[in-house]
Amino acid sequence: MGAGASCKKTVIANAFANDIFVSCQGESDPAGARSTISVSLKGIVLSYTKENTAEPDKLPHGIIKICSGHYQEFYPYSSKKVYLTIVYVNKKKEFKEICQRFMIPIDRNVVVTSSGGVQLTKRNSTWIGRDGVDHEIDAVRIQNYRAEAEILTQQYKNGILEAQTRHGIQKPK
């Protein structure tokens, strides 16, 4: 490997509404030059296309899923640069690219913002962008929205079931 290369920490935080899939490769990593993300998520050759995927949770080596509102530490082997490829799966089960081979300096952190942008954070910060915006607030709002949506969905289902029972309507099979 290259002289002066080391494994320094890079943190990727996810303030986006969707879970993201991340490949974080150092410039000195021999796999770094060819690693992107595969839609089919099968095998080790990782290539990004816009086809459908049936099983996004079965990830090949080198791809990490980061849930919305969470972050992940990476330790890429590099001397100066780290390359990120980040995608998410939409409701149609298609991969959508956030960034591909996005270069950041080694030992820096990034946050995927609520709008789907990638932003360097302030030094030694996980959630605060270089512009001073605290993206953890957005991540918490998204988590709260999801929890509220789940509660409302369950209340709606319970209300329908209660009305069907009260009126003698059998649940469709």
Protein backbone atom coordinates (compact mmCIF):
# COMPACT_ATOMS: atom_id res chain seq x y z
CA MET A 1 0.00 0.00 0.00
CA GLY A 2 1.04 3.62 -0.44
CA ALA A 3 3.56 5.28 1.82
CA GLY A 4 1.93 7.32 4.55
CA ALA A 5 -1.42 5.56 4.22
CA SER A 6 -3.33 4.84 7.40
CA CYS A 7 -6.79 3.97 8.70
CA LYS A 8 -8.34 7.18 10.03
CA LYS A 9 -11.98 7.51 11.00
CA THR A 10 -14.60 8.90 8.62
CA VAL A 11 -18.18 9.18 9.92
CA ILE A 12 -21.21 9.18 7.62
CA ALA A 13 -24.42 10.51 9.27
CA ASN A 14 -27.85 10.00 7.71
CA ALA A 15 -30.40 12.83 8.16
CA PHE A 16 -32.21 11.70 4.97
CA ALA A 17 -35.71 10.19 5.20
CA ASN A 18 -34.58 6.91 3.60
CA ASP A 19 -32.02 4.37 4.71
CA ILE A 20 -28.84 4.74 2.67
CA PHE A 21 -26.31 2.25 1.32
CA VAL A 22 -22.70 3.42 1.49
CA SER A 23 -19.39 2.36 0.01
CA CYS A 24 -16.46 4.20 1.65
CA GLN A 25 -13.11 3.51 -0.01
CA GLY A 26 -9.69 5.04 0.57
CA GLU A 27 -7.52 6.05 -2.38
CA SER A 28 -4.92 3.47 -1.31
CA ASP A 29 -7.50 0.68 -1.09
CA PRO A 30 -7.02 -1.61 -4.11
CA ALA A 31 -10.80 -2.15 -4.27
CA GLY A 32 -11.44 1.59 -4.12
CA ALA A 33 -10.93 2.19 -7.81
CA ARG A 34 -13.67 -0.21 -8.86
CA SER A 35 -16.18 -0.11 -6.02
CA THR A 36 -19.57 1.44 -6.56
CA ILE A 37 -22.96 0.09 -5.48
CA SER A 38 -24.86 -2.73 -7.13
CA VAL A 39 -28.59 -2.63 -7.56
CA SER A 40 -28.88 -6.38 -7.48
CA LEU A 41 -26.54 -6.51 -4.48
CA LYS A 42 -25.23 -9.89 -5.57
CA GLY A 43 -21.57 -10.78 -5.85
CA ILE A 44 -18.58 -8.63 -5.11
CA VAL A 45 -18.38 -6.63 -8.34
CA LEU A 46 -20.32 -3.58 -7.34
CA SER A 47 -21.89 -1.63 -10.15
CA TYR A 48 -24.58 1.01 -9.99
CA THR A 49 -27.59 0.89 -12.34
CA LYS A 50 -31.24 1.93 -12.06
CA GLU A 51 -32.87 -1.49 -12.28
CA ASN A 52 -35.19 -2.88 -9.61
CA THR A 53 -33.89 -4.82 -6.65
CA ALA A 54 -35.90 -7.36 -4.74
CA GLU A 55 -33.64 -7.78 -1.70
CA PRO A 56 -31.86 -4.57 -0.67
CA ASP A 57 -30.95 -5.94 2.77
CA LYS A 58 -28.59 -8.63 1.39
CA LEU A 59 -25.43 -6.60 1.03
CA PRO A 60 -22.09 -7.67 -0.42
CA HIS A 61 -18.81 -7.04 1.35
CA GLY A 62 -17.95 -3.34 1.58
CA ILE A 63 -21.49 -1.94 1.49
CA ILE A 64 -23.00 -0.64 4.71
CA LYS A 65 -26.65 0.21 5.31
CA ILE A 66 -27.13 3.30 7.47
CA CYS A 67 -30.67 3.76 8.75
CA SER A 68 -32.28 7.17 8.73
CA GLY A 69 -31.29 9.11 11.84
CA HIS A 70 -28.15 7.05 12.47
CA TYR A 71 -24.47 7.26 11.61
CA GLN A 72 -21.65 4.83 10.91
CA GLU A 73 -17.88 5.03 11.42
CA PHE A 74 -15.59 3.87 8.61
CA TYR A 75 -11.83 3.33 8.71
CA PRO A 76 -10.73 3.47 5.05
CA TYR A 77 -7.07 2.79 4.26
CA SER A 78 -5.83 6.00 2.67
CA SER A 79 -3.15 8.66 2.75
CA LYS A 80 -5.17 11.69 1.60
CA LYS A 81 -8.58 10.99 0.03
CA VAL A 82 -11.71 8.95 0.64
CA TYR A 83 -14.34 8.19 -1.99
CA LEU A 84 -18.01 7.76 -1.11
CA THR A 85 -20.76 6.20 -3.16
CA ILE A 86 -24.19 6.59 -1.56
CA VAL A 87 -27.56 5.39 -2.86
CA TYR A 88 -31.01 4.70 -1.45
CA VAL A 89 -33.93 2.51 -2.52
CA ASN A 90 -37.13 4.36 -3.47
CA LYS A 91 -40.71 3.07 -3.11
CA LYS A 92 -40.48 1.39 -6.53
CA LYS A 93 -37.46 -0.55 -5.22
CA GLU A 94 -35.13 1.31 -7.58
CA PHE A 95 -31.74 2.57 -6.50
CA LYS A 96 -31.38 6.34 -6.65
CA GLU A 97 -27.94 7.85 -6.53
CA ILE A 98 -27.04 10.46 -3.94
CA CYS A 99 -23.37 10.55 -4.93
CA GLN A 100 -20.88 8.38 -6.78
CA ARG A 101 -17.14 8.45 -5.99
CA PHE A 102 -17.62 11.70 -4.03
CA MET A 103 -14.15 12.69 -2.80
CA ILE A 104 -13.53 13.95 0.72
CA PRO A 105 -10.28 14.46 2.62
CA ILE A 106 -9.20 11.63 4.91
CA ASP A 107 -10.28 12.05 8.55
CA ARG A 108 -13.34 14.15 7.65
CA ASN A 109 -17.01 13.42 8.28
CA VAL A 110 -20.07 13.97 6.10
CA VAL A 111 -23.79 14.14 6.64
CA VAL A 112 -26.45 13.18 4.11
CA THR A 113 -28.89 16.04 4.58
CA SER A 114 -32.69 15.81 4.74
CA SER A 115 -32.81 17.01 1.10
CA GLY A 116 -30.42 14.23 -0.02
CA GLY A 117 -27.28 16.35 -0.36
CA VAL A 118 -23.85 15.36 0.92
CA GLN A 119 -22.13 17.92 3.11
CA LEU A 120 -18.83 17.96 4.98
CA THR A 121 -19.31 18.54 8.68
CA LYS A 122 -17.36 20.81 10.98
CA ARG A 123 -14.16 19.17 12.19
CA ASN A 124 -14.84 16.41 14.72
CA SER A 125 -18.61 16.81 14.35
CA THR A 126 -21.03 14.12 13.25
CA TRP A 127 -24.16 16.18 12.52
CA ILE A 128 -23.20 19.87 12.23
CA GLY A 129 -22.46 20.93 8.65
CA ARG A 130 -19.71 23.37 7.75
CA ASP A 131 -22.43 26.01 7.41
CA GLY A 132 -23.34 25.54 11.10
CA VAL A 133 -26.66 23.74 10.50
CA ASP A 134 -27.34 20.93 12.97
CA HIS A 135 -28.73 18.11 10.79
CA GLU A 136 -29.44 15.92 13.80
CA ILE A 137 -32.54 18.08 14.34
CA ASP A 138 -33.82 16.99 10.92
CA ALA A 139 -32.99 13.36 11.70
CA VAL A 140 -34.99 13.55 14.95
CA ARG A 141 -37.92 15.18 13.13
CA ILE A 142 -37.92 12.38 10.57
CA GLN A 143 -37.87 9.75 13.34
CA ASN A 144 -40.75 11.48 15.13
CA TYR A 145 -42.73 11.73 11.87
CA ARG A 146 -42.22 8.02 11.21
CA ALA A 147 -43.34 7.10 14.73
CA GLU A 148 -46.43 9.34 14.44
CA ALA A 149 -47.25 7.90 11.00
CA GLU A 150 -47.06 4.36 12.41
CA ILE A 151 -49.38 5.26 15.29
CA LEU A 152 -51.89 6.93 12.95
CA THR A 153 -51.77 3.99 10.53
CA GLN A 154 -52.44 1.54 13.37
CA GLN A 155 -55.29 3.69 14.71
CA TYR A 156 -56.81 3.82 11.22
CA LYS A 157 -56.58 0.03 10.82
CA ASN A 158 -58.09 -0.50 14.27
CA GLY A 159 -60.94 1.93 13.44
CA ILE A 160 -61.71 0.09 10.19
CA LEU A 161 -61.65 -3.27 11.95
CA GLU A 162 -63.89 -1.96 14.72
CA ALA A 163 -66.42 -0.56 12.18
CA GLN A 164 -66.40 -3.81 10.21
CA THR A 165 -67.00 -5.81 13.38
CA ARG A 166 -69.77 -3.46 14.55
CA HIS A 167 -71.58 -3.73 11.21
CA GLY A 168 -71.03 -7.47 10.77
CA ILE A 169 -68.74 -7.08 7.76
CA GLN A 170 -66.27 -9.88 7.42
CA LYS A 171 -62.67 -9.05 6.72
CA PRO A 172 -61.74 -9.91 3.09
CA LYS A 173 -59.48 -12.94 2.77
